[in-house]
């Protein structure tokens, strides 16, 4: 199987981070759209700005009628590093790597004015 070959290559290269594809999230979540109206969704992920679950929910925030989207992580990303921490973590460089971050979304607007919601609009939120 082609999938097994890529897993073996990743194991040897020590690249063990695998993310669910956005298309797979979209295919599954289409069955549950009506269940999200006025709900809060919590995504506990390695990096909300890389997580396809976070991307799905933030890009479909208005269409799903979500009340709030909350994502947390402990690893840094270029965007997450600019967010406020959940807790004050002081000390070594190692502690900085384990510093918790959160992203809270309560509204999503077409900030770029292009007529749709995309990741450029989401970036403007943060």
PDB file of N, CA and C in Angstrom:
ATOM      1  N   UNK A   1       0.835  -1.190   0.000  1.00  0.00           N
ATOM      2  CA  UNK A   1       0.000   0.000   0.000  1.00  0.00           C
ATOM      3  C   UNK A   1       0.876   1.250   0.000  1.00  0.00           C
ATOM      4  N   UNK A   2       0.472   2.234  -0.753  1.00  0.00           N
ATOM      5  CA  UNK A   2       1.224   3.484  -0.827  1.00  0.00           C
ATOM      6  C   UNK A   2       1.259   4.182   0.523  1.00  0.00           C
ATOM      7  N   UNK A   3       0.154   4.116   1.275  1.00  0.00           N
ATOM      8  CA  UNK A   3       0.089   4.757   2.589  1.00  0.00           C
ATOM      9  C   UNK A   3       1.095   4.183   3.553  1.00  0.00           C
ATOM     10  N   UNK A   4       1.297   2.869   3.516  1.00  0.00           N
ATOM     11  CA  UNK A   4       2.261   2.239   4.403  1.00  0.00           C
ATOM     12  C   UNK A   4       3.680   2.655   4.068  1.00  0.00           C
ATOM     13  N   UNK A   5       3.970   2.818   2.793  1.00  0.00           N
ATOM     14  CA  UNK A   5       5.302   3.237   2.385  1.00  0.00           C
ATOM     15  C   UNK A   5       5.617   4.618   2.945  1.00  0.00           C
ATOM     16  N   UNK A   6       4.668   5.557   2.844  1.00  0.00           N
ATOM     17  CA  UNK A   6       4.904   6.907   3.350  1.00  0.00           C
ATOM     18  C   UNK A   6       5.020   6.907   4.869  1.00  0.00           C
ATOM     19  N   UNK A   7       4.275   6.030   5.540  1.00  0.00           N
ATOM     20  CA  UNK A   7       4.401   5.919   6.998  1.00  0.00           C
ATOM     21  C   UNK A   7       5.783   5.403   7.376  1.00  0.00           C
ATOM     22  N   UNK A   8       6.265   4.429   6.637  1.00  0.00           N
ATOM     23  CA  UNK A   8       7.602   3.890   6.910  1.00  0.00           C
ATOM     24  C   UNK A   8       8.685   4.928   6.686  1.00  0.00           C
ATOM     25  N   UNK A   9       8.561   5.695   5.617  1.00  0.00           N
ATOM     26  CA  UNK A   9       9.533   6.758   5.333  1.00  0.00           C
ATOM     27  C   UNK A   9       9.497   7.808   6.443  1.00  0.00           C
ATOM     28  N   UNK A  10       8.314   8.181   6.879  1.00  0.00           N
ATOM     29  CA  UNK A  10       8.177   9.170   7.952  1.00  0.00           C
ATOM     30  C   UNK A  10       8.757   8.652   9.260  1.00  0.00           C
ATOM     31  N   UNK A  11       8.554   7.367   9.546  1.00  0.00           N
ATOM     32  CA  UNK A  11       9.090   6.784  10.773  1.00  0.00           C
ATOM     33  C   UNK A  11      10.609   6.862  10.778  1.00  0.00           C
ATOM     34  N   UNK A  12      11.208   6.515   9.653  1.00  0.00           N
ATOM     35  CA  UNK A  12      12.665   6.572   9.545  1.00  0.00           C
ATOM     36  C   UNK A  12      13.152   8.009   9.674  1.00  0.00           C
ATOM     37  N   UNK A  13      12.419   8.954   9.093  1.00  0.00           N
ATOM     38  CA  UNK A  13      12.813  10.367   9.132  1.00  0.00           C
ATOM     39  C   UNK A  13      12.389  11.039  10.434  1.00  0.00           C
ATOM     40  N   UNK A  14      11.717  10.303  11.310  1.00  0.00           N
ATOM     41  CA  UNK A  14      11.226  10.823  12.596  1.00  0.00           C
ATOM     42  C   UNK A  14      10.215  11.944  12.425  1.00  0.00           C
ATOM     43  N   UNK A  15       9.515  11.957  11.313  1.00  0.00           N
ATOM     44  CA  UNK A  15       8.434  12.911  11.088  1.00  0.00           C
ATOM     45  C   UNK A  15       7.125  12.199  11.411  1.00  0.00           C
ATOM     46  N   UNK A  16       6.756  12.216  12.689  1.00  0.00           N
ATOM     47  CA  UNK A  16       5.609  11.421  13.103  1.00  0.00           C
ATOM     48  C   UNK A  16       4.327  12.220  13.257  1.00  0.00           C
ATOM     49  N   UNK A  17       4.284  13.449  12.766  1.00  0.00           N
ATOM     50  CA  UNK A  17       3.069  14.253  12.827  1.00  0.00           C
ATOM     51  C   UNK A  17       2.250  14.017  11.565  1.00  0.00           C
ATOM     52  N   UNK A  18       1.067  13.473  11.746  1.00  0.00           N
ATOM     53  CA  UNK A  18       0.156  13.256  10.643  1.00  0.00           C
ATOM     54  C   UNK A  18      -1.143  13.959  10.970  1.00  0.00           C
ATOM     55  N   UNK A  19      -1.660  14.702  10.038  1.00  0.00           N
ATOM     56  CA  UNK A  19      -2.873  15.459  10.249  1.00  0.00           C
ATOM     57  C   UNK A  19      -3.986  14.920   9.370  1.00  0.00           C
ATOM     58  N   UNK A  20      -5.191  14.919   9.906  1.00  0.00           N
ATOM     59  CA  UNK A  20      -6.357  14.555   9.120  1.00  0.00           C
ATOM     60  C   UNK A  20      -6.517  15.600   8.021  1.00  0.00           C
ATOM     61  N   UNK A  21      -6.756  15.154   6.824  1.00  0.00           N
ATOM     62  CA  UNK A  21      -6.900  16.060   5.689  1.00  0.00           C
ATOM     63  C   UNK A  21      -8.191  16.864   5.811  1.00  0.00           C
ATOM     64  N   UNK A  22      -8.162  18.118   5.371  1.00  0.00           N
ATOM     65  CA  UNK A  22      -9.325  18.989   5.428  1.00  0.00           C
ATOM     66  C   UNK A  22     -10.493  18.394   4.642  1.00  0.00           C
ATOM     67  N   UNK A  23     -10.220  17.776   3.523  1.00  0.00           N
ATOM     68  CA  UNK A  23     -11.290  17.172   2.729  1.00  0.00           C
ATOM     69  C   UNK A  23     -11.977  16.040   3.494  1.00  0.00           C
ATOM     70  N   UNK A  24     -11.205  15.283   4.282  1.00  0.00           N
ATOM     71  CA  UNK A  24     -11.792  14.212   5.091  1.00  0.00           C
ATOM     72  C   UNK A  24     -12.668  14.780   6.204  1.00  0.00           C
ATOM     73  N   UNK A  25     -12.220  15.873   6.813  1.00  0.00           N
ATOM     74  CA  UNK A  25     -13.018  16.527   7.852  1.00  0.00           C
ATOM     75  C   UNK A  25     -14.330  17.013   7.239  1.00  0.00           C
ATOM     76  N   UNK A  26     -14.252  17.661   6.077  1.00  0.00           N
ATOM     77  CA  UNK A  26     -15.450  18.186   5.406  1.00  0.00           C
ATOM     78  C   UNK A  26     -16.428  17.064   5.049  1.00  0.00           C
ATOM     79  N   UNK A  27     -15.907  15.953   4.553  1.00  0.00           N
ATOM     80  CA  UNK A  27     -16.770  14.831   4.169  1.00  0.00           C
ATOM     81  C   UNK A  27     -17.528  14.276   5.372  1.00  0.00           C
ATOM     82  N   UNK A  28     -16.867  14.166   6.496  1.00  0.00           N
ATOM     83  CA  UNK A  28     -17.520  13.609   7.682  1.00  0.00           C
ATOM     84  C   UNK A  28     -18.448  14.622   8.353  1.00  0.00           C
ATOM     85  N   UNK A  29     -18.012  15.856   8.460  1.00  0.00           N
ATOM     86  CA  UNK A  29     -18.781  16.857   9.200  1.00  0.00           C
ATOM     87  C   UNK A  29     -20.057  17.269   8.485  1.00  0.00           C
ATOM     88  N   UNK A  30     -20.174  17.015   7.193  1.00  0.00           N
ATOM     89  CA  UNK A  30     -21.394  17.391   6.475  1.00  0.00           C
ATOM     90  C   UNK A  30     -22.619  16.686   7.042  1.00  0.00           C
ATOM     91  N   UNK A  31     -22.403  15.550   7.698  1.00  0.00           N
ATOM     92  CA  UNK A  31     -23.516  14.800   8.283  1.00  0.00           C
ATOM     93  C   UNK A  31     -24.001  15.407   9.602  1.00  0.00           C
ATOM     94  N   UNK A  32     -23.231  16.328  10.166  1.00  0.00           N
ATOM     95  CA  UNK A  32     -23.533  16.838  11.508  1.00  0.00           C
ATOM     96  C   UNK A  32     -23.736  18.350  11.559  1.00  0.00           C
ATOM     97  N   UNK A  33     -23.819  19.008  10.426  1.00  0.00           N
ATOM     98  CA  UNK A  33     -23.905  20.470  10.384  1.00  0.00           C
ATOM     99  C   UNK A  33     -25.005  21.032  11.271  1.00  0.00           C
ATOM    100  N   UNK A  34     -26.177  20.438  11.239  1.00  0.00           N
ATOM    101  CA  UNK A  34     -27.312  20.977  11.987  1.00  0.00           C
ATOM    102  C   UNK A  34     -27.105  20.889  13.502  1.00  0.00           C
ATOM    103  N   UNK A  35     -26.198  20.062  13.957  1.00  0.00           N
ATOM    104  CA  UNK A  35     -25.968  19.873  15.392  1.00  0.00           C
ATOM    105  C   UNK A  35     -25.092  20.962  16.015  1.00  0.00           C
ATOM    106  N   UNK A  36     -24.529  21.835  15.217  1.00  0.00           N
ATOM    107  CA  UNK A  36     -23.586  22.827  15.727  1.00  0.00           C
ATOM    108  C   UNK A  36     -24.193  24.201  15.977  1.00  0.00           C
ATOM    109  N   UNK A  37     -25.427  24.423  15.588  1.00  0.00           N
ATOM    110  CA  UNK A  37     -26.051  25.739  15.754  1.00  0.00           C
ATOM    111  C   UNK A  37     -26.041  26.153  17.225  1.00  0.00           C
ATOM    112  N   UNK A  38     -25.520  27.372  17.486  1.00  0.00           N
ATOM    113  CA  UNK A  38     -25.421  27.962  18.831  1.00  0.00           C
ATOM    114  C   UNK A  38     -24.584  27.143  19.807  1.00  0.00           C
ATOM    115  N   UNK A  39     -23.647  26.359  19.296  1.00  0.00           N
ATOM    116  CA  UNK A  39     -22.789  25.537  20.145  1.00  0.00           C
ATOM    117  C   UNK A  39     -21.387  26.136  20.219  1.00  0.00           C
ATOM    118  N   UNK A  40     -20.669  25.748  21.269  1.00  0.00           N
ATOM    119  CA  UNK A  40     -19.260  26.077  21.416  1.00  0.00           C
ATOM    120  C   UNK A  40     -18.466  24.823  21.082  1.00  0.00           C
ATOM    121  N   UNK A  41     -17.480  24.967  20.210  1.00  0.00           N
ATOM    122  CA  UNK A  41     -16.625  23.847  19.813  1.00  0.00           C
ATOM    123  C   UNK A  41     -15.252  24.071  20.426  1.00  0.00           C
ATOM    124  N   UNK A  42     -14.721  23.033  21.047  1.00  0.00           N
ATOM    125  CA  UNK A  42     -13.392  23.082  21.650  1.00  0.00           C
ATOM    126  C   UNK A  42     -12.479  22.140  20.884  1.00  0.00           C
ATOM    127  N   UNK A  43     -11.378  22.677  20.364  1.00  0.00           N
ATOM    128  CA  UNK A  43     -10.373  21.866  19.668  1.00  0.00           C
ATOM    129  C   UNK A  43      -9.101  21.873  20.496  1.00  0.00           C
ATOM    130  N   UNK A  44      -8.748  20.739  21.035  1.00  0.00           N
ATOM    131  CA  UNK A  44      -7.481  20.586  21.739  1.00  0.00           C
ATOM    132  C   UNK A  44      -6.527  19.975  20.727  1.00  0.00           C
ATOM    133  N   UNK A  45      -5.605  20.782  20.213  1.00  0.00           N
ATOM    134  CA  UNK A  45      -4.776  20.315  19.117  1.00  0.00           C
ATOM    135  C   UNK A  45      -3.320  20.719  19.317  1.00  0.00           C
ATOM    136  N   UNK A  46      -2.442  20.108  18.534  1.00  0.00           N
ATOM    137  CA  UNK A  46      -1.025  20.439  18.609  1.00  0.00           C
ATOM    138  C   UNK A  46      -0.798  21.894  18.240  1.00  0.00           C
ATOM    139  N   UNK A  47      -1.473  22.353  17.218  1.00  0.00           N
ATOM    140  CA  UNK A  47      -1.329  23.721  16.748  1.00  0.00           C
ATOM    141  C   UNK A  47      -2.616  24.105  16.033  1.00  0.00           C
ATOM    142  N   UNK A  48      -3.426  24.986  16.610  1.00  0.00           N
ATOM    143  CA  UNK A  48      -4.704  25.311  15.974  1.00  0.00           C
ATOM    144  C   UNK A  48      -4.559  25.910  14.580  1.00  0.00           C
ATOM    145  N   UNK A  49      -3.406  26.501  14.295  1.00  0.00           N
ATOM    146  CA  UNK A  49      -3.212  27.130  12.994  1.00  0.00           C
ATOM    147  C   UNK A  49      -2.733  26.140  11.941  1.00  0.00           C
ATOM    148  N   UNK A  50      -2.488  24.904  12.357  1.00  0.00           N
ATOM    149  CA  UNK A  50      -2.165  23.829  11.432  1.00  0.00           C
ATOM    150  C   UNK A  50      -3.257  22.765  11.425  1.00  0.00           C
ATOM    151  N   UNK A  51      -4.111  22.754  12.437  1.00  0.00           N
ATOM    152  CA  UNK A  51      -5.154  21.745  12.575  1.00  0.00           C
ATOM    153  C   UNK A  51      -6.255  21.939  11.535  1.00  0.00           C
ATOM    154  N   UNK A  52      -6.547  20.894  10.793  1.00  0.00           N
ATOM    155  CA  UNK A  52      -7.606  20.979   9.802  1.00  0.00           C
ATOM    156  C   UNK A  52      -8.988  20.982  10.445  1.00  0.00           C
ATOM    157  N   UNK A  53      -9.115  20.483  11.670  1.00  0.00           N
ATOM    158  CA  UNK A  53     -10.384  20.598  12.378  1.00  0.00           C
ATOM    159  C   UNK A  53     -10.650  22.062  12.728  1.00  0.00           C
ATOM    160  N   UNK A  54      -9.629  22.748  13.246  1.00  0.00           N
ATOM    161  CA  UNK A  54      -9.774  24.175  13.540  1.00  0.00           C
ATOM    162  C   UNK A  54     -10.088  24.942  12.260  1.00  0.00           C
ATOM    163  N   UNK A  55      -9.369  24.644  11.190  1.00  0.00           N
ATOM    164  CA  UNK A  55      -9.614  25.324   9.910  1.00  0.00           C
ATOM    165  C   UNK A  55     -11.056  25.110   9.449  1.00  0.00           C
ATOM    166  N   UNK A  56     -11.537  23.873   9.550  1.00  0.00           N
ATOM    167  CA  UNK A  56     -12.910  23.602   9.128  1.00  0.00           C
ATOM    168  C   UNK A  56     -13.894  24.452   9.931  1.00  0.00           C
ATOM    169  N   UNK A  57     -13.752  24.416  11.249  1.00  0.00           N
ATOM    170  CA  UNK A  57     -14.716  25.128  12.082  1.00  0.00           C
ATOM    171  C   UNK A  57     -14.612  26.639  11.933  1.00  0.00           C
ATOM    172  N   UNK A  58     -13.419  27.185  11.774  1.00  0.00           N
ATOM    173  CA  UNK A  58     -13.305  28.636  11.639  1.00  0.00           C
ATOM    174  C   UNK A  58     -13.767  29.096  10.259  1.00  0.00           C
ATOM    175  N   UNK A  59     -13.491  28.322   9.233  1.00  0.00           N
ATOM    176  CA  UNK A  59     -13.933  28.701   7.891  1.00  0.00           C
ATOM    177  C   UNK A  59     -15.439  28.542   7.713  1.00  0.00           C
ATOM    178  N   UNK A  60     -16.042  27.662   8.485  1.00  0.00           N
ATOM    179  CA  UNK A  60     -17.486  27.416   8.402  1.00  0.00           C
ATOM    180  C   UNK A  60     -18.226  27.953   9.621  1.00  0.00           C
ATOM    181  N   UNK A  61     -17.589  28.824  10.380  1.00  0.00           N
ATOM    182  CA  UNK A  61     -18.133  29.351  11.626  1.00  0.00           C
ATOM    183  C   UNK A  61     -19.537  29.922  11.430  1.00  0.00           C
ATOM    184  N   UNK A  62     -19.699  30.807  10.474  1.00  0.00           N
ATOM    185  CA  UNK A  62     -20.988  31.461  10.236  1.00  0.00           C
ATOM    186  C   UNK A  62     -22.016  30.490   9.668  1.00  0.00           C
ATOM    187  N   UNK A  63     -21.614  29.658   8.733  1.00  0.00           N
ATOM    188  CA  UNK A  63     -22.548  28.718   8.109  1.00  0.00           C
ATOM    189  C   UNK A  63     -23.072  27.703   9.119  1.00  0.00           C
ATOM    190  N   UNK A  64     -22.214  27.280  10.048  1.00  0.00           N
ATOM    191  CA  UNK A  64     -22.635  26.333  11.080  1.00  0.00           C
ATOM    192  C   UNK A  64     -23.438  27.012  12.189  1.00  0.00           C
ATOM    193  N   UNK A  65     -23.328  28.339  12.284  1.00  0.00           N
ATOM    194  CA  UNK A  65     -24.030  29.063  13.341  1.00  0.00           C
ATOM    195  C   UNK A  65     -23.409  28.860  14.709  1.00  0.00           C
ATOM    196  N   UNK A  66     -22.088  28.703  14.743  1.00  0.00           N
ATOM    197  CA  UNK A  66     -21.403  28.477  16.017  1.00  0.00           C
ATOM    198  C   UNK A  66     -21.487  29.700  16.916  1.00  0.00           C
ATOM    199  N   UNK A  67     -21.554  29.468  18.198  1.00  0.00           N
ATOM    200  CA  UNK A  67     -21.511  30.548  19.178  1.00  0.00           C
ATOM    201  C   UNK A  67     -20.055  30.921  19.471  1.00  0.00           C
ATOM    202  N   UNK A  68     -19.191  29.886  19.595  1.00  0.00           N
ATOM    203  CA  UNK A  68     -17.796  30.139  19.929  1.00  0.00           C
ATOM    204  C   UNK A  68     -16.953  28.951  19.482  1.00  0.00           C
ATOM    205  N   UNK A  69     -15.721  29.252  19.102  1.00  0.00           N
ATOM    206  CA  UNK A  69     -14.731  28.233  18.753  1.00  0.00           C
ATOM    207  C   UNK A  69     -13.505  28.490  19.615  1.00  0.00           C
ATOM    208  N   UNK A  70     -13.104  27.496  20.375  1.00  0.00           N
ATOM    209  CA  UNK A  70     -11.937  27.615  21.251  1.00  0.00           C
ATOM    210  C   UNK A  70     -10.944  26.537  20.850  1.00  0.00           C
ATOM    211  N   UNK A  71      -9.698  26.933  20.664  1.00  0.00           N
ATOM    212  CA  UNK A  71      -8.637  25.972  20.372  1.00  0.00           C
ATOM    213  C   UNK A  71      -7.472  26.245  21.303  1.00  0.00           C
ATOM    214  N   UNK A  72      -6.862  25.186  21.775  1.00  0.00           N
ATOM    215  CA  UNK A  72      -5.699  25.321  22.653  1.00  0.00           C
ATOM    216  C   UNK A  72      -4.561  24.476  22.113  1.00  0.00           C
ATOM    217  N   UNK A  73      -3.357  24.843  22.516  1.00  0.00           N
ATOM    218  CA  UNK A  73      -2.183  24.062  22.126  1.00  0.00           C
ATOM    219  C   UNK A  73      -1.048  24.337  23.094  1.00  0.00           C
ATOM    220  N   UNK A  74      -0.050  23.483  23.069  1.00  0.00           N
ATOM    221  CA  UNK A  74       1.154  23.668  23.860  1.00  0.00           C
ATOM    222  C   UNK A  74       2.377  23.914  22.996  1.00  0.00           C
ATOM    223  N   UNK A  75       2.284  23.692  21.708  1.00  0.00           N
ATOM    224  CA  UNK A  75       3.426  23.911  20.842  1.00  0.00           C
ATOM    225  C   UNK A  75       3.313  25.278  20.194  1.00  0.00           C
ATOM    226  N   UNK A  76       4.433  25.824  19.851  1.00  0.00           N
ATOM    227  CA  UNK A  76       4.420  27.164  19.274  1.00  0.00           C
ATOM    228  C   UNK A  76       4.227  27.108  17.762  1.00  0.00           C
ATOM    229  N   UNK A  77       3.672  28.181  17.249  1.00  0.00           N
ATOM    230  CA  UNK A  77       3.582  28.398  15.811  1.00  0.00           C
ATOM    231  C   UNK A  77       3.812  29.885  15.599  1.00  0.00           C
ATOM    232  N   UNK A  78       4.080  30.322  14.388  1.00  0.00           N
ATOM    233  CA  UNK A  78       4.321  31.752  14.175  1.00  0.00           C
ATOM    234  C   UNK A  78       3.164  32.625  14.634  1.00  0.00           C
ATOM    235  N   UNK A  79       1.940  32.137  14.509  1.00  0.00           N
ATOM    236  CA  UNK A  79       0.781  32.917  14.948  1.00  0.00           C
ATOM    237  C   UNK A  79       0.538  32.722  16.434  1.00  0.00           C
ATOM    238  N   UNK A  80       0.649  31.476  16.901  1.00  0.00           N
ATOM    239  CA  UNK A  80       0.377  31.191  18.310  1.00  0.00           C
ATOM    240  C   UNK A  80       1.336  31.949  19.220  1.00  0.00           C
ATOM    241  N   UNK A  81       2.542  32.182  18.779  1.00  0.00           N
ATOM    242  CA  UNK A  81       3.511  32.908  19.610  1.00  0.00           C
ATOM    243  C   UNK A  81       3.078  34.331  19.910  1.00  0.00           C
ATOM    244  N   UNK A  82       2.147  34.859  19.146  1.00  0.00           N
ATOM    245  CA  UNK A  82       1.707  36.233  19.368  1.00  0.00           C
ATOM    246  C   UNK A  82       0.466  36.301  20.245  1.00  0.00           C
ATOM    247  N   UNK A  83      -0.080  35.147  20.627  1.00  0.00           N
ATOM    248  CA  UNK A  83      -1.293  35.115  21.426  1.00  0.00           C
ATOM    249  C   UNK A  83      -0.982  35.231  22.912  1.00  0.00           C
ATOM    250  N   UNK A  84      -1.987  35.564  23.680  1.00  0.00           N
ATOM    251  CA  UNK A  84      -1.858  35.595  25.127  1.00  0.00           C
ATOM    252  C   UNK A  84      -1.860  34.175  25.660  1.00  0.00           C
ATOM    253  N   UNK A  85      -1.081  33.934  26.708  1.00  0.00           N
ATOM    254  CA  UNK A  85      -1.030  32.595  27.271  1.00  0.00           C
ATOM    255  C   UNK A  85      -2.204  32.364  28.213  1.00  0.00           C
ATOM    256  N   UNK A  86      -2.526  31.096  28.397  1.00  0.00           N
ATOM    257  CA  UNK A  86      -3.552  30.739  29.367  1.00  0.00           C
ATOM    258  C   UNK A  86      -3.029  30.908  30.789  1.00  0.00           C
ATOM    259  N   UNK A  87      -1.747  30.642  30.979  1.00  0.00           N
ATOM    260  CA  UNK A  87      -1.116  30.722  32.290  1.00  0.00           C
ATOM    261  C   UNK A  87       0.217  31.446  32.144  1.00  0.00           C
ATOM    262  N   UNK A  88       0.704  32.024  33.220  1.00  0.00           N
ATOM    263  CA  UNK A  88       2.035  32.619  33.200  1.00  0.00           C
ATOM    264  C   UNK A  88       3.065  31.513  33.347  1.00  0.00           C
ATOM    265  N   UNK A  89       3.894  31.345  32.332  1.00  0.00           N
ATOM    266  CA  UNK A  89       4.946  30.348  32.378  1.00  0.00           C
ATOM    267  C   UNK A  89       6.260  31.101  32.284  1.00  0.00           C
ATOM    268  N   UNK A  90       7.039  31.029  33.336  1.00  0.00           N
ATOM    269  CA  UNK A  90       8.297  31.755  33.412  1.00  0.00           C
ATOM    270  C   UNK A  90       9.408  30.747  33.589  1.00  0.00           C
ATOM    271  N   UNK A  91      10.551  31.014  32.975  1.00  0.00           N
ATOM    272  CA  UNK A  91      11.679  30.135  33.233  1.00  0.00           C
ATOM    273  C   UNK A  91      12.480  29.832  31.999  1.00  0.00           C
ATOM    274  N   UNK A  92      12.862  28.583  31.859  1.00  0.00           N
ATOM    275  CA  UNK A  92      13.807  28.147  30.849  1.00  0.00           C
ATOM    276  C   UNK A  92      13.189  28.150  29.456  1.00  0.00           C
ATOM    277  N   UNK A  93      14.049  27.979  28.483  1.00  0.00           N
ATOM    278  CA  UNK A  93      13.603  27.867  27.095  1.00  0.00           C
ATOM    279  C   UNK A  93      12.679  26.661  26.932  1.00  0.00           C
ATOM    280  N   UNK A  94      12.943  25.601  27.693  1.00  0.00           N
ATOM    281  CA  UNK A  94      12.091  24.412  27.645  1.00  0.00           C
ATOM    282  C   UNK A  94      10.670  24.752  28.066  1.00  0.00           C
ATOM    283  N   UNK A  95      10.509  25.573  29.099  1.00  0.00           N
ATOM    284  CA  UNK A  95       9.176  25.974  29.538  1.00  0.00           C
ATOM    285  C   UNK A  95       8.466  26.789  28.468  1.00  0.00           C
ATOM    286  N   UNK A  96       9.232  27.600  27.734  1.00  0.00           N
ATOM    287  CA  UNK A  96       8.617  28.406  26.676  1.00  0.00           C
ATOM    288  C   UNK A  96       8.036  27.520  25.584  1.00  0.00           C
ATOM    289  N   UNK A  97       8.679  26.378  25.295  1.00  0.00           N
ATOM    290  CA  UNK A  97       8.169  25.452  24.295  1.00  0.00           C
ATOM    291  C   UNK A  97       6.867  24.807  24.756  1.00  0.00           C
ATOM    292  N   UNK A  98       6.692  24.655  26.061  1.00  0.00           N
ATOM    293  CA  UNK A  98       5.494  24.020  26.600  1.00  0.00           C
ATOM    294  C   UNK A  98       4.450  25.028  27.046  1.00  0.00           C
ATOM    295  N   UNK A  99       4.636  26.270  26.689  1.00  0.00           N
ATOM    296  CA  UNK A  99       3.721  27.324  27.082  1.00  0.00           C
ATOM    297  C   UNK A  99       2.363  27.126  26.397  1.00  0.00           C
ATOM    298  N   UNK A 100       1.286  27.150  27.151  1.00  0.00           N
ATOM    299  CA  UNK A 100      -0.032  26.951  26.539  1.00  0.00           C
ATOM    300  C   UNK A 100      -0.538  28.212  25.846  1.00  0.00           C
ATOM    301  N   UNK A 101      -1.250  28.004  24.771  1.00  0.00           N
ATOM    302  CA  UNK A 101      -1.859  29.097  24.016  1.00  0.00           C
ATOM    303  C   UNK A 101      -3.311  28.774  23.779  1.00  0.00           C
ATOM    304  N   UNK A 102      -4.093  29.809  23.530  1.00  0.00           N
ATOM    305  CA  UNK A 102      -5.488  29.581  23.168  1.00  0.00           C
ATOM    306  C   UNK A 102      -5.879  30.541  22.052  1.00  0.00           C
ATOM    307  N   UNK A 103      -6.828  30.097  21.275  1.00  0.00           N
ATOM    308  CA  UNK A 103      -7.448  30.928  20.248  1.00  0.00           C
ATOM    309  C   UNK A 103      -8.947  30.847  20.496  1.00  0.00           C
ATOM    310  N   UNK A 104      -9.588  32.005  20.646  1.00  0.00           N
ATOM    311  CA  UNK A 104     -11.031  32.051  20.881  1.00  0.00           C
ATOM    312  C   UNK A 104     -11.658  32.876  19.769  1.00  0.00           C
ATOM    313  N   UNK A 105     -12.609  32.278  19.074  1.00  0.00           N
ATOM    314  CA  UNK A 105     -13.287  32.950  17.971  1.00  0.00           C
ATOM    315  C   UNK A 105     -14.769  33.062  18.334  1.00  0.00           C
ATOM    316  N   UNK A 106     -15.283  34.289  18.275  1.00  0.00           N
ATOM    317  CA  UNK A 106     -16.711  34.499  18.528  1.00  0.00           C
ATOM    318  C   UNK A 106     -17.424  35.088  17.315  1.00  0.00           C
ATOM    319  N   UNK A 107     -16.665  35.632  16.373  1.00  0.00           N
ATOM    320  CA  UNK A 107     -17.227  36.171  15.129  1.00  0.00           C
ATOM    321  C   UNK A 107     -16.175  36.048  14.038  1.00  0.00           C
ATOM    322  N   UNK A 108     -16.635  35.787  12.826  1.00  0.00           N
ATOM    323  CA  UNK A 108     -15.744  35.732  11.674  1.00  0.00           C
ATOM    324  C   UNK A 108     -16.319  36.651  10.607  1.00  0.00           C
ATOM    325  N   UNK A 109     -15.515  37.593  10.159  1.00  0.00           N
ATOM    326  CA  UNK A 109     -15.928  38.567   9.144  1.00  0.00           C
ATOM    327  C   UNK A 109     -15.080  38.428   7.894  1.00  0.00           C
ATOM    328  N   UNK A 110     -15.613  38.910   6.791  1.00  0.00           N
ATOM    329  CA  UNK A 110     -14.867  38.991   5.538  1.00  0.00           C
ATOM    330  C   UNK A 110     -13.991  40.238   5.613  1.00  0.00           C
ATOM    331  N   UNK A 111     -12.863  40.127   6.304  1.00  0.00           N
ATOM    332  CA  UNK A 111     -11.968  41.273   6.520  1.00  0.00           C
ATOM    333  C   UNK A 111     -11.299  41.737   5.230  1.00  0.00           C
ATOM    334  N   UNK A 112     -11.064  40.823   4.302  1.00  0.00           N
ATOM    335  CA  UNK A 112     -10.382  41.192   3.067  1.00  0.00           C
ATOM    336  C   UNK A 112     -11.332  41.779   2.029  1.00  0.00           C
ATOM    337  N   UNK A 113     -12.637  41.630   2.254  1.00  0.00           N
ATOM    338  CA  UNK A 113     -13.617  42.199   1.339  1.00  0.00           C
ATOM    339  C   UNK A 113     -13.738  41.488   0.012  1.00  0.00           C
ATOM    340  N   UNK A 114     -13.321  40.221  -0.047  1.00  0.00           N
ATOM    341  CA  UNK A 114     -13.372  39.492  -1.313  1.00  0.00           C
ATOM    342  C   UNK A 114     -14.653  38.680  -1.494  1.00  0.00           C
ATOM    343  N   UNK A 115     -15.593  38.814  -0.574  1.00  0.00           N
ATOM    344  CA  UNK A 115     -16.875  38.143  -0.712  1.00  0.00           C
ATOM    345  C   UNK A 115     -16.959  36.762  -0.089  1.00  0.00           C
ATOM    346  N   UNK A 116     -15.906  36.298   0.554  1.00  0.00           N
ATOM    347  CA  UNK A 116     -15.929  34.978   1.195  1.00  0.00           C
ATOM    348  C   UNK A 116     -15.017  34.948   2.402  1.00  0.00           C
ATOM    349  N   UNK A 117     -15.152  33.900   3.189  1.00  0.00           N
ATOM    350  CA  UNK A 117     -14.297  33.718   4.362  1.00  0.00           C
ATOM    351  C   UNK A 117     -13.192  32.748   3.992  1.00  0.00           C
ATOM    352  N   UNK A 118     -11.947  33.169   4.194  1.00  0.00           N
ATOM    353  CA  UNK A 118     -10.811  32.295   3.941  1.00  0.00           C
ATOM    354  C   UNK A 118      -9.775  32.497   5.038  1.00  0.00           C
ATOM    355  N   UNK A 119      -8.639  31.828   4.933  1.00  0.00           N
ATOM    356  CA  UNK A 119      -7.631  31.891   5.986  1.00  0.00           C
ATOM    357  C   UNK A 119      -7.002  33.289   6.101  1.00  0.00           C
ATOM    358  N   UNK A 120      -7.080  34.103   5.063  1.00  0.00           N
ATOM    359  CA  UNK A 120      -6.604  35.482   5.168  1.00  0.00           C
ATOM    360  C   UNK A 120      -7.495  36.276   6.129  1.00  0.00           C
ATOM    361  N   UNK A 121      -8.805  36.026   6.067  1.00  0.00           N
ATOM    362  CA  UNK A 121      -9.740  36.670   7.006  1.00  0.00           C
ATOM    363  C   UNK A 121      -9.479  36.179   8.420  1.00  0.00           C
ATOM    364  N   UNK A 122      -9.216  34.903   8.570  1.00  0.00           N
ATOM    365  CA  UNK A 122      -8.953  34.315   9.888  1.00  0.00           C
ATOM    366  C   UNK A 122      -7.676  34.914  10.477  1.00  0.00           C
ATOM    367  N   UNK A 123      -6.644  35.075   9.649  1.00  0.00           N
ATOM    368  CA  UNK A 123      -5.384  35.654  10.123  1.00  0.00           C
ATOM    369  C   UNK A 123      -5.607  37.055  10.670  1.00  0.00           C
ATOM    370  N   UNK A 124      -6.545  37.789  10.090  1.00  0.00           N
ATOM    371  CA  UNK A 124      -6.849  39.141  10.562  1.00  0.00           C
ATOM    372  C   UNK A 124      -7.472  39.129  11.959  1.00  0.00           C
ATOM    373  N   UNK A 125      -8.102  38.011  12.333  1.00  0.00           N
ATOM    374  CA  UNK A 125      -8.689  37.906  13.664  1.00  0.00           C
ATOM    375  C   UNK A 125      -7.618  37.911  14.754  1.00  0.00           C
ATOM    376  N   UNK A 126      -6.442  37.400  14.418  1.00  0.00           N
ATOM    377  CA  UNK A 126      -5.399  37.242  15.416  1.00  0.00           C
ATOM    378  C   UNK A 126      -4.289  38.249  15.230  1.00  0.00           C
TER     379      UNK A 126
END
